Amino acid sequence: MKDNRNNILANNIRAERNRKNYTQAMLAEKVNVSESTISLIERGKQTPSIFLVYDISIVLDIDINDLLKNL
């Protein structure tokens, strides 16, 4: 069975970023990472630390559990 938690998290982050009308570059700047890091995370190619997920939730003004739902 393939573990697809990265893809679920990626989709949750991307969907919320789009709802807030943020570009990857805007989100990256606000959480102090590169745009390529956000891109890798949103494609499920990189697993962010829980601290980065928390920072993303703060910037997107949502509860961290919303980003972690369905994991």
PDB file of N, CA and C in Angstrom:
ATOM      1  N   MET A   1       0.842  -1.185   0.000  1.00  0.00           N
ATOM      2  CA  MET A   1       0.000   0.000   0.000  1.00  0.00           C
ATOM      3  C   MET A   1       0.886   1.247   0.000  1.00  0.00           C
ATOM      4  N   LYS A   2       0.659   2.120  -0.947  1.00  0.00           N
ATOM      5  CA  LYS A   2       1.466   3.332  -1.068  1.00  0.00           C
ATOM      6  C   LYS A   2       0.963   4.393  -0.097  1.00  0.00           C
ATOM      7  N   ASP A   3       1.907   5.012   0.583  1.00  0.00           N
ATOM      8  CA  ASP A   3       1.576   6.079   1.528  1.00  0.00           C
ATOM      9  C   ASP A   3       1.390   7.374   0.737  1.00  0.00           C
ATOM     10  N   ASN A   4       0.190   7.932   0.804  1.00  0.00           N
ATOM     11  CA  ASN A   4      -0.063   9.143   0.027  1.00  0.00           C
ATOM     12  C   ASN A   4      -0.314  10.363   0.914  1.00  0.00           C
ATOM     13  N   ARG A   5       0.172  10.334   2.141  1.00  0.00           N
ATOM     14  CA  ARG A   5      -0.044  11.462   3.046  1.00  0.00           C
ATOM     15  C   ARG A   5       0.577  12.746   2.526  1.00  0.00           C
ATOM     16  N   ASN A   6       1.731  12.649   1.864  1.00  0.00           N
ATOM     17  CA  ASN A   6       2.340  13.864   1.296  1.00  0.00           C
ATOM     18  C   ASN A   6       1.416  14.498   0.272  1.00  0.00           C
ATOM     19  N   ASN A   7       0.772  13.672  -0.549  1.00  0.00           N
ATOM     20  CA  ASN A   7      -0.125  14.208  -1.575  1.00  0.00           C
ATOM     21  C   ASN A   7      -1.366  14.838  -0.956  1.00  0.00           C
ATOM     22  N   ILE A   8      -1.883  14.252   0.112  1.00  0.00           N
ATOM     23  CA  ILE A   8      -3.045  14.828   0.787  1.00  0.00           C
ATOM     24  C   ILE A   8      -2.679  16.182   1.386  1.00  0.00           C
ATOM     25  N   LEU A   9      -1.545  16.227   2.094  1.00  0.00           N
ATOM     26  CA  LEU A   9      -1.088  17.497   2.670  1.00  0.00           C
ATOM     27  C   LEU A   9      -0.847  18.522   1.567  1.00  0.00           C
ATOM     28  N   ALA A  10      -0.218  18.099   0.483  1.00  0.00           N
ATOM     29  CA  ALA A  10       0.049  18.993  -0.648  1.00  0.00           C
ATOM     30  C   ALA A  10      -1.243  19.598  -1.181  1.00  0.00           C
ATOM     31  N   ASN A  11      -2.247  18.764  -1.362  1.00  0.00           N
ATOM     32  CA  ASN A  11      -3.528  19.249  -1.885  1.00  0.00           C
ATOM     33  C   ASN A  11      -4.200  20.205  -0.901  1.00  0.00           C
ATOM     34  N   ASN A  12      -4.114  19.910   0.394  1.00  0.00           N
ATOM     35  CA  ASN A  12      -4.712  20.787   1.400  1.00  0.00           C
ATOM     36  C   ASN A  12      -4.043  22.159   1.407  1.00  0.00           C
ATOM     37  N   ILE A  13      -2.720  22.175   1.338  1.00  0.00           N
ATOM     38  CA  ILE A  13      -1.983  23.452   1.333  1.00  0.00           C
ATOM     39  C   ILE A  13      -2.303  24.239   0.065  1.00  0.00           C
ATOM     40  N   ARG A  14      -2.241  23.565  -1.081  1.00  0.00           N
ATOM     41  CA  ARG A  14      -2.505  24.243  -2.359  1.00  0.00           C
ATOM     42  C   ARG A  14      -3.920  24.817  -2.393  1.00  0.00           C
ATOM     43  N   ALA A  15      -4.889  24.032  -1.962  1.00  0.00           N
ATOM     44  CA  ALA A  15      -6.281  24.489  -1.987  1.00  0.00           C
ATOM     45  C   ALA A  15      -6.478  25.718  -1.106  1.00  0.00           C
ATOM     46  N   GLU A  16      -5.896  25.680   0.085  1.00  0.00           N
ATOM     47  CA  GLU A  16      -6.054  26.827   0.985  1.00  0.00           C
ATOM     48  C   GLU A  16      -5.311  28.049   0.463  1.00  0.00           C
ATOM     49  N   ARG A  17      -4.126  27.844  -0.108  1.00  0.00           N
ATOM     50  CA  ARG A  17      -3.370  28.958  -0.689  1.00  0.00           C
ATOM     51  C   ARG A  17      -4.181  29.601  -1.808  1.00  0.00           C
ATOM     52  N   ASN A  18      -4.786  28.776  -2.647  1.00  0.00           N
ATOM     53  CA  ASN A  18      -5.604  29.306  -3.744  1.00  0.00           C
ATOM     54  C   ASN A  18      -6.837  30.041  -3.222  1.00  0.00           C
ATOM     55  N   ARG A  19      -7.452  29.525  -2.156  1.00  0.00           N
ATOM     56  CA  ARG A  19      -8.615  30.214  -1.571  1.00  0.00           C
ATOM     57  C   ARG A  19      -8.251  31.607  -1.071  1.00  0.00           C
ATOM     58  N   LYS A  20      -7.022  31.747  -0.599  1.00  0.00           N
ATOM     59  CA  LYS A  20      -6.556  33.048  -0.086  1.00  0.00           C
ATOM     60  C   LYS A  20      -5.972  33.922  -1.191  1.00  0.00           C
ATOM     61  N   ASN A  21      -5.977  33.406  -2.422  1.00  0.00           N
ATOM     62  CA  ASN A  21      -5.423  34.130  -3.576  1.00  0.00           C
ATOM     63  C   ASN A  21      -3.955  34.491  -3.400  1.00  0.00           C
ATOM     64  N   TYR A  22      -3.195  33.587  -2.803  1.00  0.00           N
ATOM     65  CA  TYR A  22      -1.750  33.759  -2.668  1.00  0.00           C
ATOM     66  C   TYR A  22      -1.065  32.981  -3.781  1.00  0.00           C
ATOM     67  N   THR A  23      -0.012  33.558  -4.314  1.00  0.00           N
ATOM     68  CA  THR A  23       0.840  32.798  -5.225  1.00  0.00           C
ATOM     69  C   THR A  23       1.815  31.990  -4.376  1.00  0.00           C
ATOM     70  N   GLN A  24       2.476  31.041  -5.013  1.00  0.00           N
ATOM     71  CA  GLN A  24       3.509  30.286  -4.294  1.00  0.00           C
ATOM     72  C   GLN A  24       4.603  31.237  -3.808  1.00  0.00           C
ATOM     73  N   ALA A  25       4.932  32.218  -4.619  1.00  0.00           N
ATOM     74  CA  ALA A  25       5.973  33.175  -4.239  1.00  0.00           C
ATOM     75  C   ALA A  25       5.557  33.986  -3.009  1.00  0.00           C
ATOM     76  N   MET A  26       4.303  34.394  -2.958  1.00  0.00           N
ATOM     77  CA  MET A  26       3.823  35.163  -1.806  1.00  0.00           C
ATOM     78  C   MET A  26       3.881  34.327  -0.530  1.00  0.00           C
ATOM     79  N   LEU A  27       3.408  33.094  -0.615  1.00  0.00           N
ATOM     80  CA  LEU A  27       3.437  32.217   0.552  1.00  0.00           C
ATOM     81  C   LEU A  27       4.869  31.948   0.985  1.00  0.00           C
ATOM     82  N   ALA A  28       5.722  31.664   0.027  1.00  0.00           N
ATOM     83  CA  ALA A  28       7.127  31.384   0.333  1.00  0.00           C
ATOM     84  C   ALA A  28       7.774  32.549   1.073  1.00  0.00           C
ATOM     85  N   GLU A  29       7.539  33.758   0.593  1.00  0.00           N
ATOM     86  CA  GLU A  29       8.122  34.933   1.231  1.00  0.00           C
ATOM     87  C   GLU A  29       7.631  35.086   2.665  1.00  0.00           C
ATOM     88  N   LYS A  30       6.349  34.857   2.877  1.00  0.00           N
ATOM     89  CA  LYS A  30       5.772  35.044   4.205  1.00  0.00           C
ATOM     90  C   LYS A  30       6.223  33.987   5.214  1.00  0.00           C
ATOM     91  N   VAL A  31       6.554  32.782   4.748  1.00  0.00           N
ATOM     92  CA  VAL A  31       7.028  31.741   5.673  1.00  0.00           C
ATOM     93  C   VAL A  31       8.546  31.575   5.614  1.00  0.00           C
ATOM     94  N   ASN A  32       9.190  32.445   4.836  1.00  0.00           N
ATOM     95  CA  ASN A  32      10.653  32.501   4.782  1.00  0.00           C
ATOM     96  C   ASN A  32      11.299  31.217   4.244  1.00  0.00           C
ATOM     97  N   VAL A  33      10.737  30.724   3.141  1.00  0.00           N
ATOM     98  CA  VAL A  33      11.355  29.614   2.407  1.00  0.00           C
ATOM     99  C   VAL A  33      11.372  30.007   0.938  1.00  0.00           C
ATOM    100  N   SER A  34      12.026  29.211   0.120  1.00  0.00           N
ATOM    101  CA  SER A  34      12.076  29.517  -1.306  1.00  0.00           C
ATOM    102  C   SER A  34      10.769  29.119  -1.990  1.00  0.00           C
ATOM    103  N   GLU A  35      10.527  29.741  -3.113  1.00  0.00           N
ATOM    104  CA  GLU A  35       9.352  29.392  -3.903  1.00  0.00           C
ATOM    105  C   GLU A  35       9.432  27.937  -4.357  1.00  0.00           C
ATOM    106  N   SER A  36      10.643  27.471  -4.654  1.00  0.00           N
ATOM    107  CA  SER A  36      10.791  26.077  -5.082  1.00  0.00           C
ATOM    108  C   SER A  36      10.441  25.105  -3.954  1.00  0.00           C
ATOM    109  N   THR A  37      10.682  25.499  -2.706  1.00  0.00           N
ATOM    110  CA  THR A  37      10.285  24.656  -1.578  1.00  0.00           C
ATOM    111  C   THR A  37       8.780  24.507  -1.527  1.00  0.00           C
ATOM    112  N   ILE A  38       8.063  25.608  -1.684  1.00  0.00           N
ATOM    113  CA  ILE A  38       6.592  25.556  -1.695  1.00  0.00           C
ATOM    114  C   ILE A  38       6.124  24.699  -2.861  1.00  0.00           C
ATOM    115  N   SER A  39       6.733  24.853  -4.011  1.00  0.00           N
ATOM    116  CA  SER A  39       6.368  24.058  -5.178  1.00  0.00           C
ATOM    117  C   SER A  39       6.571  22.564  -4.911  1.00  0.00           C
ATOM    118  N   LEU A  40       7.700  22.214  -4.337  1.00  0.00           N
ATOM    119  CA  LEU A  40       7.970  20.802  -4.034  1.00  0.00           C
ATOM    120  C   LEU A  40       6.963  20.244  -3.031  1.00  0.00           C
ATOM    121  N   ILE A  41       6.632  21.028  -2.028  1.00  0.00           N
ATOM    122  CA  ILE A  41       5.655  20.606  -1.021  1.00  0.00           C
ATOM    123  C   ILE A  41       4.294  20.406  -1.679  1.00  0.00           C
ATOM    124  N   GLU A  42       3.881  21.348  -2.508  1.00  0.00           N
ATOM    125  CA  GLU A  42       2.561  21.276  -3.132  1.00  0.00           C
ATOM    126  C   GLU A  42       2.461  20.179  -4.183  1.00  0.00           C
ATOM    127  N   ARG A  43       3.572  19.675  -4.655  1.00  0.00           N
ATOM    128  CA  ARG A  43       3.563  18.546  -5.582  1.00  0.00           C
ATOM    129  C   ARG A  43       3.768  17.220  -4.857  1.00  0.00           C
ATOM    130  N   GLY A  44       3.894  17.283  -3.531  1.00  0.00           N
ATOM    131  CA  GLY A  44       4.079  16.062  -2.748  1.00  0.00           C
ATOM    132  C   GLY A  44       5.460  15.465  -2.862  1.00  0.00           C
ATOM    133  N   LYS A  45       6.420  16.251  -3.318  1.00  0.00           N
ATOM    134  CA  LYS A  45       7.791  15.777  -3.513  1.00  0.00           C
ATOM    135  C   LYS A  45       8.678  16.025  -2.304  1.00  0.00           C
ATOM    136  N   GLN A  46       8.239  16.880  -1.405  1.00  0.00           N
ATOM    137  CA  GLN A  46       9.011  17.200  -0.202  1.00  0.00           C
ATOM    138  C   GLN A  46       8.066  17.216   0.985  1.00  0.00           C
ATOM    139  N   THR A  47       8.515  16.620   2.078  1.00  0.00           N
ATOM    140  CA  THR A  47       7.719  16.607   3.298  1.00  0.00           C
ATOM    141  C   THR A  47       8.159  17.761   4.186  1.00  0.00           C
ATOM    142  N   PRO A  48       7.247  18.696   4.465  1.00  0.00           N
ATOM    143  CA  PRO A  48       7.630  19.827   5.314  1.00  0.00           C
ATOM    144  C   PRO A  48       7.687  19.406   6.782  1.00  0.00           C
ATOM    145  N   SER A  49       8.477  20.117   7.540  1.00  0.00           N
ATOM    146  CA  SER A  49       8.498  19.883   8.985  1.00  0.00           C
ATOM    147  C   SER A  49       7.170  20.351   9.566  1.00  0.00           C
ATOM    148  N   ILE A  50       6.855  19.849  10.733  1.00  0.00           N
ATOM    149  CA  ILE A  50       5.626  20.279  11.403  1.00  0.00           C
ATOM    150  C   ILE A  50       5.690  21.770  11.715  1.00  0.00           C
ATOM    151  N   PHE A  51       6.888  22.293  11.937  1.00  0.00           N
ATOM    152  CA  PHE A  51       7.053  23.722  12.200  1.00  0.00           C
ATOM    153  C   PHE A  51       6.702  24.551  10.963  1.00  0.00           C
ATOM    154  N   LEU A  52       7.089  24.065   9.788  1.00  0.00           N
ATOM    155  CA  LEU A  52       6.750  24.779   8.554  1.00  0.00           C
ATOM    156  C   LEU A  52       5.250  24.684   8.289  1.00  0.00           C
ATOM    157  N   VAL A  53       4.650  23.536   8.534  1.00  0.00           N
ATOM    158  CA  VAL A  53       3.199  23.402   8.370  1.00  0.00           C
ATOM    159  C   VAL A  53       2.486  24.389   9.300  1.00  0.00           C
ATOM    160  N   TYR A  54       2.982  24.502  10.526  1.00  0.00           N
ATOM    161  CA  TYR A  54       2.404  25.454  11.475  1.00  0.00           C
ATOM    162  C   TYR A  54       2.540  26.886  10.943  1.00  0.00           C
ATOM    163  N   ASP A  55       3.733  27.247  10.462  1.00  0.00           N
ATOM    164  CA  ASP A  55       3.945  28.595   9.923  1.00  0.00           C
ATOM    165  C   ASP A  55       3.019  28.872   8.741  1.00  0.00           C
ATOM    166  N   ILE A  56       2.842  27.882   7.881  1.00  0.00           N
ATOM    167  CA  ILE A  56       1.941  28.031   6.738  1.00  0.00           C
ATOM    168  C   ILE A  56       0.514  28.267   7.230  1.00  0.00           C
ATOM    169  N   SER A  57       0.114  27.525   8.246  1.00  0.00           N
ATOM    170  CA  SER A  57      -1.253  27.700   8.771  1.00  0.00           C
ATOM    171  C   SER A  57      -1.448  29.103   9.338  1.00  0.00           C
ATOM    172  N   ILE A  58      -0.428  29.637   9.995  1.00  0.00           N
ATOM    173  CA  ILE A  58      -0.511  30.997  10.545  1.00  0.00           C
ATOM    174  C   ILE A  58      -0.657  32.015   9.410  1.00  0.00           C
ATOM    175  N   VAL A  59       0.176  31.884   8.392  1.00  0.00           N
ATOM    176  CA  VAL A  59       0.128  32.823   7.263  1.00  0.00           C
ATOM    177  C   VAL A  59      -1.216  32.733   6.543  1.00  0.00           C
ATOM    178  N   LEU A  60      -1.751  31.521   6.395  1.00  0.00           N
ATOM    179  CA  LEU A  60      -3.022  31.346   5.702  1.00  0.00           C
ATOM    180  C   LEU A  60      -4.220  31.594   6.618  1.00  0.00           C
ATOM    181  N   ASP A  61      -3.923  31.876   7.880  1.00  0.00           N
ATOM    182  CA  ASP A  61      -4.948  32.205   8.871  1.00  0.00           C
ATOM    183  C   ASP A  61      -6.000  31.092   9.010  1.00  0.00           C
ATOM    184  N   ILE A  62      -5.493  29.864   9.171  1.00  0.00           N
ATOM    185  CA  ILE A  62      -6.369  28.717   9.391  1.00  0.00           C
ATOM    186  C   ILE A  62      -5.776  27.861  10.500  1.00  0.00           C
ATOM    187  N   ASP A  63      -6.589  27.004  11.054  1.00  0.00           N
ATOM    188  CA  ASP A  63      -6.135  26.066  12.066  1.00  0.00           C
ATOM    189  C   ASP A  63      -5.240  25.018  11.403  1.00  0.00           C
ATOM    190  N   ILE A  64      -4.147  24.668  12.030  1.00  0.00           N
ATOM    191  CA  ILE A  64      -3.228  23.680  11.467  1.00  0.00           C
ATOM    192  C   ILE A  64      -3.947  22.366  11.168  1.00  0.00           C
ATOM    193  N   ASN A  65      -4.964  22.039  11.948  1.00  0.00           N
ATOM    194  CA  ASN A  65      -5.707  20.798  11.716  1.00  0.00           C
ATOM    195  C   ASN A  65      -6.393  20.795  10.362  1.00  0.00           C
ATOM    196  N   ASP A  66      -6.713  21.956   9.828  1.00  0.00           N
ATOM    197  CA  ASP A  66      -7.310  22.024   8.496  1.00  0.00           C
ATOM    198  C   ASP A  66      -6.324  21.592   7.424  1.00  0.00           C
ATOM    199  N   LEU A  67      -5.051  21.879   7.638  1.00  0.00           N
ATOM    200  CA  LEU A  67      -4.034  21.435   6.678  1.00  0.00           C
ATOM    201  C   LEU A  67      -3.733  19.951   6.837  1.00  0.00           C
ATOM    202  N   LEU A  68      -3.942  19.425   8.036  1.00  0.00           N
ATOM    203  CA  LEU A  68      -3.625  18.027   8.314  1.00  0.00           C
ATOM    204  C   LEU A  68      -4.833  17.092   8.166  1.00  0.00           C
ATOM    205  N   LYS A  69      -5.982  17.633   7.770  1.00  0.00           N
ATOM    206  CA  LYS A  69      -7.183  16.811   7.682  1.00  0.00           C
ATOM    207  C   LYS A  69      -7.013  15.696   6.639  1.00  0.00           C
ATOM    208  N   ASN A  70      -7.609  14.586   6.937  1.00  0.00           N
ATOM    209  CA  ASN A  70      -7.605  13.389   6.083  1.00  0.00           C
ATOM    210  C   ASN A  70      -6.251  12.690   5.964  1.00  0.00           C
ATOM    211  N   LEU A  71      -5.316  13.054   6.834  1.00  0.00           N
ATOM    212  CA  LEU A  71      -4.037  12.328   6.817  1.00  0.00           C
ATOM    213  C   LEU A  71      -4.252  11.032   7.510  1.00  0.00           C
TER     214      LEU A  71
END
